[in-house]
Amino acid sequence: TISVGTAVVEVSGPSIRSQFVYLQDGDFDGDTVVYVGGDDVTTSTGVKLSKTNTTVFQTNADDSLYAICSAAGGSVRVVNVQ
């Protein structure tokens, strides 16, 4: 689990090969919302993470994913599979 607030945070860093990144909003019963995207992600431009389902991204080597939350105190559950 990675803590996410109102500042952009890297949730999956570069790898030596492509990988699948499984993400889920970690604040299951809270009011915060987490968004994912590039290093310029915002709450307006990011992909909204589900609190009940897992979102899967395939990243290439040297790609990173970043997250931002609608308020302080959010979190993201992350699994990287190469």
Protein backbone atom coordinates (compact mmCIF):
# COMPACT_ATOMS: atom_id res chain seq x y z
CA THR A 1 0.00 0.00 0.00
CA ILE A 2 1.29 3.44 -0.96
CA SER A 3 0.09 6.61 0.75
CA VAL A 4 -1.28 9.21 -1.66
CA GLY A 5 -2.25 12.79 -0.93
CA THR A 6 -2.83 15.96 -2.89
CA ALA A 7 0.70 15.90 -4.36
CA VAL A 8 1.67 13.58 -7.23
CA VAL A 9 3.32 10.34 -6.04
CA GLU A 10 5.01 7.60 -8.10
CA VAL A 11 3.16 4.31 -7.52
CA SER A 12 5.00 2.13 -10.07
CA GLY A 13 8.51 2.86 -11.26
CA PRO A 14 10.49 1.86 -14.34
CA SER A 15 11.45 -1.75 -14.93
CA ILE A 16 13.91 -3.54 -17.20
CA ARG A 17 10.97 -5.01 -19.17
CA SER A 18 7.25 -4.48 -19.63
CA GLN A 19 4.99 -5.31 -16.72
CA PHE A 20 1.37 -5.43 -15.62
CA VAL A 21 0.46 -3.07 -12.79
CA TYR A 22 -2.65 -3.87 -10.75
CA LEU A 23 -4.05 -0.87 -8.84
CA GLN A 24 -6.95 -0.41 -6.45
CA ASP A 25 -8.05 2.56 -4.35
CA GLY A 26 -7.01 1.56 -0.83
CA ASP A 27 -9.48 3.80 1.01
CA PHE A 28 -12.38 1.34 0.74
CA ASP A 29 -14.92 3.10 2.93
CA GLY A 30 -13.59 6.65 2.84
CA ASP A 31 -14.56 9.70 0.83
CA THR A 32 -11.21 10.18 -0.95
CA VAL A 33 -10.78 9.39 -4.64
CA VAL A 34 -7.47 8.40 -6.27
CA TYR A 35 -6.53 9.16 -9.89
CA VAL A 36 -3.66 7.62 -11.89
CA GLY A 37 -1.68 8.84 -14.91
CA GLY A 38 1.64 10.28 -15.98
CA ASP A 39 3.85 12.58 -13.92
CA ASP A 40 1.48 15.45 -14.71
CA VAL A 41 -1.66 13.64 -13.44
CA THR A 42 -4.39 15.74 -11.83
CA THR A 43 -7.80 14.98 -10.38
CA SER A 44 -9.24 16.30 -13.65
CA THR A 45 -7.06 14.35 -16.10
CA GLY A 46 -6.29 11.07 -14.32
CA VAL A 47 -7.97 7.68 -14.49
CA LYS A 48 -10.21 7.24 -11.44
CA LEU A 49 -9.45 4.08 -9.46
CA SER A 50 -12.27 1.86 -8.26
CA LYS A 51 -12.72 1.07 -4.58
CA THR A 52 -14.16 -2.37 -5.37
CA ASN A 53 -12.38 -3.49 -8.56
CA THR A 54 -8.80 -3.69 -9.73
CA THR A 55 -7.56 -1.56 -12.63
CA VAL A 56 -4.78 -3.13 -14.72
CA PHE A 57 -2.20 -1.18 -16.73
CA GLN A 58 0.49 -2.63 -18.98
CA THR A 59 3.61 -0.49 -18.86
CA ASN A 60 6.69 -0.63 -21.04
CA ALA A 61 10.21 -0.70 -19.68
CA ASP A 62 11.19 2.69 -18.26
CA ASP A 63 7.51 3.75 -17.81
CA SER A 64 6.18 4.97 -14.48
CA LEU A 65 2.67 5.47 -13.11
CA TYR A 66 1.76 8.30 -10.77
CA ALA A 67 -1.23 8.96 -8.52
CA ILE A 68 -2.91 11.89 -6.83
CA CYS A 69 -5.79 11.94 -4.35
CA SER A 70 -8.76 14.25 -3.96
CA ALA A 71 -7.71 14.85 -0.32
CA ALA A 72 -4.93 13.97 2.11
CA GLY A 73 -4.91 10.48 3.57
CA GLY A 74 -5.61 8.34 0.51
CA SER A 75 -3.83 5.16 -0.47
CA VAL A 76 -3.29 2.83 -3.43
CA ARG A 77 -2.80 -0.92 -3.34
CA VAL A 78 -0.22 -1.92 -5.97
CA VAL A 79 0.94 -5.25 -7.43
CA ASN A 80 3.57 -5.31 -10.21
CA VAL A 81 3.86 -8.48 -12.32
CA GLN A 82 6.64 -8.89 -14.88
